[in-house]
Amino acid sequence: MAASVDKVQKKLDKEIRSIFKGLLSKKTFQLDELTFSAFLANKLFVIYLIREGVPYSLFDIIQDYAPLSEIEWSDILDISTKSLQRYKQSDKQFGPLQSEKIIEMAEVTSLGLDVFGNMEKFKLWLDTPNFALGKLKPVELLKDSYGKEMVVGELTRINYGILA
């Protein structure tokens, strides 16, 4: 699985470079230095992409990257799985609200991988009821920003060795 995560991260890097190709001037940022991790760390890039809309091509790669099912994505984005299929067929861009959710899930996934070291352990944690999160599964909290912040807070505490 680690090899496939690396492969997906390389695809993410390539897609982000493609999206920002026309935006970045060589004086301010070298395009070949832009990775998906650097994108997530640069809040101005994140804001720009959210406002412009995440293209389906990027969402497709993030969907491969994040340990969420199509039904979970549908629930988080508040659109039907049928609508997700239509986005795919038309290579449509998501609106700002859905784009923000997509980027948030990519951030949660990135943090989860940092904390747990691999996707299997992170997915297991997401699907296991958590006492510190009101005995809810972390994945159940990802639908709204307050829940996502609770999940991020718990991941951060785990990362620093502070267990509930």
N, C-alpha and C. Protein backbone atom coordinates (compact mmCIF):
# COMPACT_ATOMS: atom_id res chain seq x y z
N MET A 1 0.83 -1.20 0.00
CA MET A 1 0.00 0.00 0.00
C MET A 1 0.86 1.26 0.00
N ALA A 2 2.04 1.21 0.66
CA ALA A 2 2.92 2.37 0.71
C ALA A 2 3.35 2.78 -0.69
N ALA A 3 3.62 1.79 -1.54
CA ALA A 3 4.01 2.10 -2.91
C ALA A 3 2.88 2.80 -3.65
N SER A 4 1.64 2.36 -3.41
CA SER A 4 0.52 2.99 -4.10
C SER A 4 0.27 4.40 -3.56
N VAL A 5 0.50 4.64 -2.27
CA VAL A 5 0.37 5.99 -1.71
C VAL A 5 1.41 6.90 -2.35
N ASP A 6 2.64 6.42 -2.48
CA ASP A 6 3.68 7.22 -3.14
C ASP A 6 3.31 7.52 -4.59
N LYS A 7 2.76 6.53 -5.26
CA LYS A 7 2.35 6.70 -6.66
C LYS A 7 1.24 7.76 -6.77
N VAL A 8 0.27 7.70 -5.87
CA VAL A 8 -0.82 8.67 -5.88
C VAL A 8 -0.29 10.06 -5.53
N GLN A 9 0.64 10.14 -4.58
CA GLN A 9 1.21 11.45 -4.22
C GLN A 9 1.95 12.07 -5.41
N LYS A 10 2.61 11.25 -6.21
CA LYS A 10 3.27 11.78 -7.41
C LYS A 10 2.25 12.29 -8.42
N LYS A 11 1.13 11.58 -8.54
CA LYS A 11 0.05 12.05 -9.42
C LYS A 11 -0.51 13.37 -8.91
N LEU A 12 -0.67 13.47 -7.59
CA LEU A 12 -1.16 14.72 -6.99
C LEU A 12 -0.20 15.87 -7.29
N ASP A 13 1.10 15.62 -7.12
CA ASP A 13 2.11 16.65 -7.42
C ASP A 13 1.98 17.12 -8.86
N LYS A 14 1.88 16.18 -9.78
CA LYS A 14 1.79 16.51 -11.21
C LYS A 14 0.53 17.31 -11.52
N GLU A 15 -0.59 16.91 -10.95
CA GLU A 15 -1.86 17.59 -11.20
C GLU A 15 -1.84 19.02 -10.65
N ILE A 16 -1.29 19.20 -9.46
CA ILE A 16 -1.20 20.54 -8.86
C ILE A 16 -0.32 21.43 -9.73
N ARG A 17 0.81 20.91 -10.20
CA ARG A 17 1.67 21.70 -11.10
C ARG A 17 0.91 22.11 -12.35
N SER A 18 0.13 21.19 -12.88
CA SER A 18 -0.65 21.47 -14.09
C SER A 18 -1.67 22.59 -13.84
N ILE A 19 -2.34 22.54 -12.71
CA ILE A 19 -3.35 23.55 -12.38
C ILE A 19 -2.73 24.93 -12.22
N PHE A 20 -1.58 25.00 -11.57
CA PHE A 20 -0.96 26.29 -11.26
C PHE A 20 0.05 26.76 -12.31
N LYS A 21 0.19 26.01 -13.38
CA LYS A 21 1.19 26.31 -14.41
C LYS A 21 1.12 27.76 -14.90
N GLY A 22 -0.05 28.23 -15.27
CA GLY A 22 -0.19 29.59 -15.79
C GLY A 22 -0.20 30.66 -14.72
N LEU A 23 -0.40 30.28 -13.48
CA LEU A 23 -0.53 31.25 -12.39
C LEU A 23 0.80 31.70 -11.82
N LEU A 24 1.74 30.78 -11.74
CA LEU A 24 2.99 31.07 -11.05
C LEU A 24 4.02 31.69 -11.97
N SER A 25 4.59 32.78 -11.51
CA SER A 25 5.69 33.36 -12.27
C SER A 25 7.00 32.75 -11.77
N LYS A 26 7.95 32.64 -12.63
CA LYS A 26 9.22 32.01 -12.27
C LYS A 26 9.93 32.79 -11.16
N LYS A 27 9.64 34.08 -11.04
CA LYS A 27 10.30 34.90 -10.02
C LYS A 27 9.79 34.58 -8.62
N THR A 28 8.52 34.20 -8.50
CA THR A 28 7.97 34.00 -7.17
C THR A 28 8.03 32.55 -6.70
N PHE A 29 7.92 31.61 -7.60
CA PHE A 29 7.86 30.21 -7.19
C PHE A 29 8.24 29.34 -8.37
N GLN A 30 9.15 28.44 -8.17
CA GLN A 30 9.52 27.51 -9.23
C GLN A 30 8.44 26.43 -9.32
N LEU A 31 7.86 26.30 -10.48
CA LEU A 31 6.77 25.35 -10.67
C LEU A 31 7.19 23.93 -10.35
N ASP A 32 8.42 23.57 -10.70
CA ASP A 32 8.87 22.20 -10.43
C ASP A 32 9.07 21.94 -8.93
N GLU A 33 9.07 23.01 -8.12
CA GLU A 33 9.17 22.86 -6.67
C GLU A 33 7.80 22.65 -6.02
N LEU A 34 6.74 22.89 -6.77
CA LEU A 34 5.40 22.79 -6.21
C LEU A 34 4.97 21.33 -6.12
N THR A 35 4.80 20.88 -4.90
CA THR A 35 4.29 19.54 -4.64
C THR A 35 2.91 19.68 -4.01
N PHE A 36 2.21 18.58 -3.89
CA PHE A 36 0.89 18.63 -3.27
C PHE A 36 1.02 19.06 -1.81
N SER A 37 2.06 18.59 -1.12
CA SER A 37 2.28 18.99 0.28
C SER A 37 2.55 20.49 0.38
N ALA A 38 3.35 21.02 -0.54
CA ALA A 38 3.63 22.46 -0.55
C ALA A 38 2.36 23.24 -0.85
N PHE A 39 1.54 22.71 -1.74
CA PHE A 39 0.25 23.34 -2.04
C PHE A 39 -0.61 23.41 -0.78
N LEU A 40 -0.74 22.30 -0.06
CA LEU A 40 -1.56 22.29 1.15
C LEU A 40 -1.02 23.24 2.21
N ALA A 41 0.29 23.43 2.26
CA ALA A 41 0.90 24.32 3.25
C ALA A 41 0.74 25.79 2.88
N ASN A 42 0.47 26.09 1.62
CA ASN A 42 0.35 27.48 1.17
C ASN A 42 -1.14 27.84 1.10
N LYS A 43 -1.61 28.51 2.13
CA LYS A 43 -3.05 28.80 2.23
C LYS A 43 -3.55 29.69 1.09
N LEU A 44 -2.69 30.54 0.52
CA LEU A 44 -3.12 31.36 -0.62
C LEU A 44 -3.41 30.49 -1.84
N PHE A 45 -2.59 29.47 -2.07
CA PHE A 45 -2.85 28.53 -3.16
C PHE A 45 -4.16 27.78 -2.91
N VAL A 46 -4.36 27.37 -1.66
CA VAL A 46 -5.58 26.63 -1.31
C VAL A 46 -6.80 27.51 -1.56
N ILE A 47 -6.75 28.76 -1.11
CA ILE A 47 -7.88 29.69 -1.31
C ILE A 47 -8.14 29.88 -2.80
N TYR A 48 -7.08 30.07 -3.57
CA TYR A 48 -7.24 30.26 -5.01
C TYR A 48 -7.96 29.06 -5.64
N LEU A 49 -7.50 27.86 -5.31
CA LEU A 49 -8.09 26.67 -5.92
C LEU A 49 -9.54 26.47 -5.47
N ILE A 50 -9.82 26.75 -4.21
CA ILE A 50 -11.20 26.63 -3.72
C ILE A 50 -12.11 27.58 -4.48
N ARG A 51 -11.66 28.81 -4.66
CA ARG A 51 -12.49 29.81 -5.35
C ARG A 51 -12.65 29.51 -6.83
N GLU A 52 -11.60 28.97 -7.45
CA GLU A 52 -11.68 28.62 -8.87
C GLU A 52 -12.46 27.32 -9.08
N GLY A 53 -12.42 26.46 -8.09
CA GLY A 53 -13.10 25.17 -8.18
C GLY A 53 -12.12 24.06 -8.46
N VAL A 54 -12.22 22.99 -7.69
CA VAL A 54 -11.36 21.82 -7.89
C VAL A 54 -11.84 21.10 -9.15
N PRO A 55 -10.95 20.90 -10.12
CA PRO A 55 -11.35 20.14 -11.31
C PRO A 55 -11.53 18.66 -10.95
N TYR A 56 -12.41 17.99 -11.68
CA TYR A 56 -12.65 16.58 -11.38
C TYR A 56 -11.35 15.78 -11.47
N SER A 57 -10.46 16.15 -12.37
CA SER A 57 -9.20 15.40 -12.52
C SER A 57 -8.41 15.37 -11.21
N LEU A 58 -8.40 16.48 -10.47
CA LEU A 58 -7.71 16.51 -9.18
C LEU A 58 -8.52 15.73 -8.14
N PHE A 59 -9.82 15.92 -8.12
CA PHE A 59 -10.67 15.18 -7.18
C PHE A 59 -10.49 13.68 -7.36
N ASP A 60 -10.41 13.22 -8.59
CA ASP A 60 -10.25 11.80 -8.87
C ASP A 60 -8.99 11.24 -8.21
N ILE A 61 -7.91 12.01 -8.26
CA ILE A 61 -6.66 11.57 -7.63
C ILE A 61 -6.77 11.64 -6.11
N ILE A 62 -7.38 12.72 -5.59
CA ILE A 62 -7.58 12.84 -4.14
C ILE A 62 -8.47 11.71 -3.64
N GLN A 63 -9.45 11.34 -4.44
CA GLN A 63 -10.35 10.24 -4.09
C GLN A 63 -9.56 8.93 -3.96
N ASP A 64 -8.57 8.72 -4.82
CA ASP A 64 -7.70 7.55 -4.72
C ASP A 64 -6.81 7.63 -3.49
N TYR A 65 -6.43 8.85 -3.12
CA TYR A 65 -5.51 9.12 -2.02
C TYR A 65 -6.19 8.96 -0.66
N ALA A 66 -7.39 9.48 -0.53
CA ALA A 66 -8.10 9.47 0.75
C ALA A 66 -8.78 8.12 0.99
N PRO A 67 -8.81 7.67 2.24
CA PRO A 67 -9.41 6.36 2.54
C PRO A 67 -10.93 6.45 2.73
N LEU A 68 -11.61 7.06 1.77
CA LEU A 68 -13.05 7.25 1.86
C LEU A 68 -13.73 6.56 0.68
N SER A 69 -14.88 5.97 0.95
CA SER A 69 -15.64 5.32 -0.12
C SER A 69 -16.40 6.38 -0.92
N GLU A 70 -16.93 5.96 -2.06
CA GLU A 70 -17.72 6.89 -2.87
C GLU A 70 -18.95 7.38 -2.11
N ILE A 71 -19.54 6.52 -1.31
CA ILE A 71 -20.70 6.90 -0.51
C ILE A 71 -20.30 7.93 0.55
N GLU A 72 -19.14 7.73 1.19
CA GLU A 72 -18.66 8.70 2.18
C GLU A 72 -18.36 10.04 1.51
N TRP A 73 -17.74 10.01 0.32
CA TRP A 73 -17.50 11.25 -0.42
C TRP A 73 -18.82 11.94 -0.74
N SER A 74 -19.78 11.18 -1.20
CA SER A 74 -21.09 11.72 -1.54
C SER A 74 -21.72 12.41 -0.33
N ASP A 75 -21.60 11.78 0.83
CA ASP A 75 -22.14 12.33 2.07
C ASP A 75 -21.40 13.61 2.47
N ILE A 76 -20.08 13.58 2.41
CA ILE A 76 -19.26 14.74 2.79
C ILE A 76 -19.53 15.92 1.86
N LEU A 77 -19.64 15.65 0.56
CA LEU A 77 -19.85 16.72 -0.43
C LEU A 77 -21.32 17.11 -0.57
N ASP A 78 -22.20 16.36 0.09
CA ASP A 78 -23.64 16.62 0.06
C ASP A 78 -24.19 16.60 -1.36
N ILE A 79 -23.72 15.62 -2.13
CA ILE A 79 -24.27 15.39 -3.47
C ILE A 79 -24.44 13.88 -3.65
N SER A 80 -25.31 13.50 -4.53
CA SER A 80 -25.57 12.07 -4.75
C SER A 80 -24.39 11.41 -5.48
N THR A 81 -24.30 10.10 -5.34
CA THR A 81 -23.26 9.37 -6.08
C THR A 81 -23.50 9.50 -7.58
N LYS A 82 -24.75 9.61 -7.98
CA LYS A 82 -25.08 9.81 -9.40
C LYS A 82 -24.52 11.15 -9.89
N SER A 83 -24.61 12.19 -9.07
CA SER A 83 -24.04 13.50 -9.43
C SER A 83 -22.52 13.41 -9.55
N LEU A 84 -21.90 12.63 -8.65
CA LEU A 84 -20.45 12.43 -8.74
C LEU A 84 -20.09 11.77 -10.07
N GLN A 85 -20.89 10.82 -10.50
CA GLN A 85 -20.67 10.16 -11.79
C GLN A 85 -20.77 11.17 -12.94
N ARG A 86 -21.75 12.07 -12.84
CA ARG A 86 -21.91 13.10 -13.89
C ARG A 86 -20.71 14.05 -13.92
N TYR A 87 -20.19 14.41 -12.74
CA TYR A 87 -18.99 15.25 -12.69
C TYR A 87 -17.85 14.55 -13.43
N LYS A 88 -17.74 13.26 -13.21
CA LYS A 88 -16.66 12.49 -13.84
C LYS A 88 -16.82 12.48 -15.36
N GLN A 89 -18.02 12.24 -15.83
CA GLN A 89 -18.26 12.16 -17.27
C GLN A 89 -18.01 13.48 -17.97
N SER A 90 -18.30 14.59 -17.30
CA SER A 90 -18.16 15.90 -17.95
C SER A 90 -16.86 16.60 -17.57
N ASP A 91 -16.05 15.98 -16.70
CA ASP A 91 -14.81 16.57 -16.18
C ASP A 91 -15.08 17.99 -15.67
N LYS A 92 -16.16 18.11 -14.93
CA LYS A 92 -16.65 19.37 -14.40
C LYS A 92 -15.83 19.82 -13.20
N GLN A 93 -15.83 21.13 -12.94
CA GLN A 93 -15.19 21.66 -11.74
C GLN A 93 -16.24 21.74 -10.64
N PHE A 94 -15.81 21.47 -9.41
CA PHE A 94 -16.70 21.57 -8.26
C PHE A 94 -16.83 23.03 -7.86
N GLY A 95 -17.95 23.35 -7.23
CA GLY A 95 -18.16 24.70 -6.71
C GLY A 95 -17.29 24.94 -5.48
N PRO A 96 -17.24 26.19 -5.01
CA PRO A 96 -16.39 26.53 -3.87
C PRO A 96 -16.67 25.72 -2.60
N LEU A 97 -17.92 25.48 -2.25
CA LEU A 97 -18.22 24.74 -1.02
C LEU A 97 -17.72 23.30 -1.11
N GLN A 98 -17.97 22.65 -2.23
CA GLN A 98 -17.50 21.28 -2.40
C GLN A 98 -15.98 21.24 -2.55
N SER A 99 -15.42 22.23 -3.21
CA SER A 99 -13.95 22.29 -3.37
C SER A 99 -13.28 22.40 -2.00
N GLU A 100 -13.86 23.21 -1.13
CA GLU A 100 -13.29 23.35 0.21
C GLU A 100 -13.32 22.02 0.96
N LYS A 101 -14.41 21.29 0.85
CA LYS A 101 -14.52 19.98 1.50
C LYS A 101 -13.48 19.00 0.94
N ILE A 102 -13.29 19.03 -0.37
CA ILE A 102 -12.32 18.14 -1.00
C ILE A 102 -10.92 18.42 -0.47
N ILE A 103 -10.55 19.69 -0.41
CA ILE A 103 -9.22 20.06 0.09
C ILE A 103 -9.10 19.71 1.57
N GLU A 104 -10.16 19.94 2.34
CA GLU A 104 -10.12 19.57 3.76
C GLU A 104 -9.88 18.08 3.95
N MET A 105 -10.51 17.25 3.13
CA MET A 105 -10.31 15.80 3.25
C MET A 105 -8.89 15.41 2.84
N ALA A 106 -8.33 16.12 1.88
CA ALA A 106 -6.93 15.88 1.50
C ALA A 106 -6.01 16.25 2.66
N GLU A 107 -6.32 17.35 3.36
CA GLU A 107 -5.51 17.76 4.51
C GLU A 107 -5.61 16.74 5.64
N VAL A 108 -6.82 16.27 5.92
CA VAL A 108 -7.02 15.27 6.97
C VAL A 108 -6.25 13.99 6.61
N THR A 109 -6.32 13.59 5.35
CA THR A 109 -5.61 12.38 4.90
C THR A 109 -4.10 12.55 5.05
N SER A 110 -3.59 13.70 4.67
CA SER A 110 -2.16 13.97 4.79
C SER A 110 -1.72 13.89 6.25
N LEU A 111 -2.49 14.51 7.14
CA LEU A 111 -2.18 14.47 8.56
C LEU A 111 -2.29 13.04 9.10
N GLY A 112 -3.34 12.33 8.70
CA GLY A 112 -3.52 10.95 9.15
C GLY A 112 -2.36 10.05 8.74
N LEU A 113 -1.86 10.24 7.53
CA LEU A 113 -0.70 9.46 7.07
C LEU A 113 0.55 9.81 7.87
N ASP A 114 0.71 11.10 8.19
CA ASP A 114 1.85 11.51 9.02
C ASP A 114 1.79 10.87 10.40
N VAL A 115 0.59 10.83 10.97
CA VAL A 115 0.41 10.30 12.33
C VAL A 115 0.55 8.78 12.37
N PHE A 116 -0.12 8.08 11.45
CA PHE A 116 -0.18 6.62 11.52
C PHE A 116 0.85 5.91 10.64
N GLY A 117 1.43 6.61 9.70
CA GLY A 117 2.49 6.02 8.89
C GLY A 117 2.04 5.24 7.67
N ASN A 118 0.80 4.77 7.67
CA ASN A 118 0.29 4.09 6.48
C ASN A 118 -1.23 4.19 6.42
N MET A 119 -1.76 3.95 5.25
CA MET A 119 -3.18 4.14 5.00
C MET A 119 -4.05 3.13 5.75
N GLU A 120 -3.57 1.88 5.89
CA GLU A 120 -4.38 0.86 6.57
C GLU A 120 -4.65 1.25 8.01
N LYS A 121 -3.61 1.69 8.74
CA LYS A 121 -3.79 2.09 10.14
C LYS A 121 -4.67 3.33 10.25
N PHE A 122 -4.49 4.27 9.34
CA PHE A 122 -5.31 5.48 9.36
C PHE A 122 -6.77 5.13 9.09
N LYS A 123 -7.04 4.28 8.10
CA LYS A 123 -8.41 3.87 7.77
C LYS A 123 -9.04 3.15 8.95
N LEU A 124 -8.29 2.28 9.61
CA LEU A 124 -8.80 1.58 10.79
C LEU A 124 -9.19 2.58 11.87
N TRP A 125 -8.34 3.58 12.11
CA TRP A 125 -8.63 4.61 13.11
C TRP A 125 -9.90 5.39 12.73
N LEU A 126 -10.02 5.75 11.45
CA LEU A 126 -11.21 6.50 11.00
C LEU A 126 -12.50 5.71 11.23
N ASP A 127 -12.45 4.40 11.11
CA ASP A 127 -13.64 3.56 11.18
C ASP A 127 -13.90 2.96 12.56
N THR A 128 -13.10 3.36 13.56
CA THR A 128 -13.24 2.82 14.91
C THR A 128 -13.83 3.88 15.84
N PRO A 129 -14.91 3.53 16.58
CA PRO A 129 -15.45 4.51 17.53
C PRO A 129 -14.36 5.02 18.47
N ASN A 130 -14.39 6.31 18.74
CA ASN A 130 -13.32 6.96 19.50
C ASN A 130 -13.91 7.63 20.74
N PHE A 131 -13.43 7.25 21.90
CA PHE A 131 -13.93 7.79 23.16
C PHE A 131 -13.78 9.31 23.20
N ALA A 132 -12.65 9.82 22.77
CA ALA A 132 -12.38 11.27 22.80
C ALA A 132 -13.29 12.04 21.85
N LEU A 133 -13.89 11.35 20.90
CA LEU A 133 -14.79 12.00 19.94
C LEU A 133 -16.25 11.60 20.20
N GLY A 134 -16.58 11.44 21.48
CA GLY A 134 -17.95 11.11 21.85
C GLY A 134 -18.39 9.73 21.42
N LYS A 135 -17.44 8.81 21.35
CA LYS A 135 -17.68 7.43 20.92
C LYS A 135 -18.18 7.32 19.48
N LEU A 136 -17.96 8.36 18.71
CA LEU A 136 -18.28 8.33 17.28
C LEU A 136 -17.05 7.89 16.50
N LYS A 137 -17.29 7.35 15.32
CA LYS A 137 -16.19 7.06 14.41
C LYS A 137 -15.72 8.39 13.84
N PRO A 138 -14.41 8.63 13.76
CA PRO A 138 -13.92 9.89 13.19
C PRO A 138 -14.50 10.18 11.81
N VAL A 139 -14.69 9.15 10.98
CA VAL A 139 -15.22 9.36 9.63
C VAL A 139 -16.62 9.98 9.68
N GLU A 140 -17.37 9.71 10.75
CA GLU A 140 -18.72 10.26 10.88
C GLU A 140 -18.71 11.77 11.14
N LEU A 141 -17.58 12.28 11.60
CA LEU A 141 -17.48 13.71 11.93
C LEU A 141 -16.97 14.56 10.78
N LEU A 142 -16.55 13.95 9.71
CA LEU A 142 -15.90 14.69 8.62
C LEU A 142 -16.85 15.48 7.73
N LYS A 143 -18.14 15.33 7.91
CA LYS A 143 -19.10 15.99 7.03
C LYS A 143 -19.13 17.51 7.20
N ASP A 144 -18.87 18.00 8.41
CA ASP A 144 -18.89 19.45 8.62
C ASP A 144 -17.57 19.94 9.20
N SER A 145 -17.36 21.24 9.12
CA SER A 145 -16.06 21.79 9.50
C SER A 145 -15.77 21.64 11.00
N TYR A 146 -16.79 21.73 11.85
CA TYR A 146 -16.55 21.55 13.28
C TYR A 146 -16.11 20.12 13.58
N GLY A 147 -16.77 19.16 12.95
CA GLY A 147 -16.37 17.77 13.12
C GLY A 147 -14.98 17.51 12.59
N LYS A 148 -14.68 18.09 11.43
CA LYS A 148 -13.35 17.93 10.85
C LYS A 148 -12.29 18.49 11.79
N GLU A 149 -12.58 19.64 12.41
CA GLU A 149 -11.63 20.23 13.36
C GLU A 149 -11.43 19.33 14.58
N MET A 150 -12.49 18.66 15.02
CA MET A 150 -12.35 17.71 16.13
C MET A 150 -11.44 16.55 15.73
N VAL A 151 -11.61 16.05 14.52
CA VAL A 151 -10.78 14.95 14.02
C VAL A 151 -9.32 15.40 13.91
N VAL A 152 -9.10 16.58 13.34
CA VAL A 152 -7.74 17.11 13.22
C VAL A 152 -7.12 17.30 14.60
N GLY A 153 -7.90 17.83 15.55
CA GLY A 153 -7.40 18.00 16.91
C GLY A 153 -6.99 16.69 17.55
N GLU A 154 -7.80 15.66 17.35
CA GLU A 154 -7.49 14.35 17.91
C GLU A 154 -6.25 13.75 17.24
N LEU A 155 -6.14 13.89 15.93
CA LEU A 155 -4.94 13.41 15.23
C LEU A 155 -3.69 14.13 15.74
N THR A 156 -3.81 15.42 15.98
CA THR A 156 -2.68 16.20 16.50
C THR A 156 -2.29 15.72 17.89
N ARG A 157 -3.29 15.48 18.75
CA ARG A 157 -3.00 14.97 20.10
C ARG A 157 -2.31 13.61 20.02
N ILE A 158 -2.79 12.73 19.16
CA ILE A 158 -2.16 11.42 18.99
C ILE A 158 -0.72 11.59 18.53
N ASN A 159 -0.51 12.50 17.60
CA ASN A 159 0.83 12.75 17.06
C ASN A 159 1.80 13.20 18.16
N TYR A 160 1.28 13.96 19.13
CA TYR A 160 2.12 14.44 20.23
C TYR A 160 2.08 13.53 21.44
N GLY A 161 1.40 12.38 21.32
CA GLY A 161 1.38 11.41 22.40
C GLY A 161 0.40 11.74 23.51
N ILE A 162 -0.56 12.63 23.25
CA ILE A 162 -1.56 12.99 24.26
C ILE A 162 -2.82 12.20 23.95
N LEU A 163 -3.05 11.16 24.70
CA LEU A 163 -4.22 10.31 24.47
C LEU A 163 -5.29 10.61 25.50
N ALA A 164 -6.55 10.53 25.08
CA ALA A 164 -7.67 10.87 25.97
C ALA A 164 -7.83 9.84 27.06
